[in-house]
Amino acid sequence: MSVADKIIAIIAEQAFLEPKDVKPDATLEQLGIDSMALVECIFAIEECFDVQVPFNANDPAASQFDISSIQSIIDAVEALIAAQKT
C-alpha cells in the first residue's frame, strides 16, 4: 500500500467515507473533516508513518504542514518520510 493509499484510508475512516470517495484534490472541509477529526488524522498519520507532523492544531494556517488538500497532505507526509531517510 502506497503512502497516498494509507493517508486516504486514514482520512476516509475519519470522514466515514470509502477510500474511493476521497479524491486527491478534495479539501478536508469538502470531506466533512472538522478540527477534532483533523487532529485524529494527524495522530494516525504520525503513528502509521513514524513521523512528527509540524502541525499547530490551534492555528492550522500558521502550520508548516499544508492541509489545503488531500494531495498536499500526501506530499507533506512524503517529504517528512524522505527527510527521515537522510
Protein backbone atom coordinates (compact mmCIF):
# COMPACT_ATOMS: atom_id res chain seq x y z
CA MET A 1 0.00 0.00 0.00
CA SER A 2 1.45 3.37 -1.01
CA VAL A 3 1.81 6.41 1.24
CA ALA A 4 -1.07 8.04 -0.63
CA ASP A 5 -3.31 4.99 -0.18
CA LYS A 6 -2.59 4.84 3.56
CA ILE A 7 -3.30 8.55 4.04
CA ILE A 8 -6.50 8.32 2.02
CA ALA A 9 -7.58 5.34 4.14
CA ILE A 10 -6.90 7.27 7.37
CA ILE A 11 -8.84 10.32 6.16
CA ALA A 12 -11.68 8.19 4.79
CA GLU A 13 -12.05 6.48 8.16
CA GLN A 14 -12.29 9.82 9.97
CA ALA A 15 -14.78 11.15 7.40
CA PHE A 16 -16.86 7.94 7.46
CA LEU A 17 -16.29 7.54 3.72
CA GLU A 18 -14.99 4.81 1.46
CA PRO A 19 -11.37 5.42 0.35
CA LYS A 20 -12.54 5.53 -3.29
CA ASP A 21 -14.62 8.61 -2.37
CA VAL A 22 -11.58 10.56 -1.13
CA LYS A 23 -10.05 12.34 -4.11
CA PRO A 24 -6.58 13.94 -4.01
CA ASP A 25 -7.92 17.38 -4.94
CA ALA A 26 -10.58 17.35 -2.21
CA THR A 27 -10.28 19.61 0.80
CA LEU A 28 -10.83 18.44 4.35
CA GLU A 29 -13.83 20.74 4.54
CA GLN A 30 -15.39 19.11 1.46
CA LEU A 31 -14.99 15.73 3.15
CA GLY A 32 -16.60 16.92 6.37
CA ILE A 33 -13.39 16.74 8.42
CA ASP A 34 -13.71 19.10 11.37
CA SER A 35 -10.88 20.22 13.65
CA MET A 36 -11.25 17.25 16.01
CA ALA A 37 -11.22 14.75 13.14
CA LEU A 38 -8.20 16.55 11.69
CA VAL A 39 -6.28 16.10 14.93
CA GLU A 40 -7.20 12.39 14.89
CA CYS A 41 -5.95 12.18 11.28
CA ILE A 42 -2.65 13.82 12.26
CA PHE A 43 -2.18 11.39 15.17
CA ALA A 44 -2.97 8.43 12.92
CA ILE A 45 -0.56 9.66 10.22
CA GLU A 46 2.20 10.12 12.79
CA GLU A 47 1.65 6.64 14.16
CA CYS A 48 1.36 4.97 10.75
CA PHE A 49 4.50 6.53 9.28
CA ASP A 50 6.52 7.11 12.47
CA VAL A 51 6.91 10.82 11.70
CA GLN A 52 6.38 14.02 13.65
CA VAL A 53 3.96 16.31 11.84
CA PRO A 54 4.77 20.01 12.42
CA PHE A 55 1.14 20.92 12.89
CA ASN A 56 -0.37 23.60 15.11
CA ALA A 57 -3.89 22.44 15.95
CA ASN A 58 -4.73 25.83 17.45
CA ASP A 59 -3.75 27.68 14.27
CA PRO A 60 -3.57 25.40 11.20
CA ALA A 61 -2.87 28.41 8.96
CA ALA A 62 0.38 29.04 10.86
CA SER A 63 1.47 25.44 10.47
CA GLN A 64 4.36 24.26 8.33
CA PHE A 65 2.13 21.35 7.32
CA ASP A 66 -0.05 22.12 4.30
CA ILE A 67 -3.59 20.82 4.81
CA SER A 68 -5.18 22.66 1.89
CA SER A 69 -6.00 19.42 0.05
CA ILE A 70 -5.59 15.67 0.38
CA GLN A 71 -2.75 15.80 -2.17
CA SER A 72 -0.94 18.49 -0.19
CA ILE A 73 -1.13 16.31 2.92
CA ILE A 74 0.22 13.34 0.93
CA ASP A 75 3.07 15.48 -0.43
CA ALA A 76 3.92 16.82 3.04
CA VAL A 77 3.99 13.34 4.58
CA GLU A 78 6.13 12.01 1.73
CA ALA A 79 8.57 14.89 2.36
CA LEU A 80 8.68 14.05 6.08
CA ILE A 81 9.38 10.39 5.28
CA ALA A 82 12.13 11.36 2.81
CA ALA A 83 13.71 13.72 5.34
CA GLN A 84 13.89 10.91 7.88
CA LYS A 85 15.90 8.76 5.48
CA THR A 86 18.65 11.36 5.06
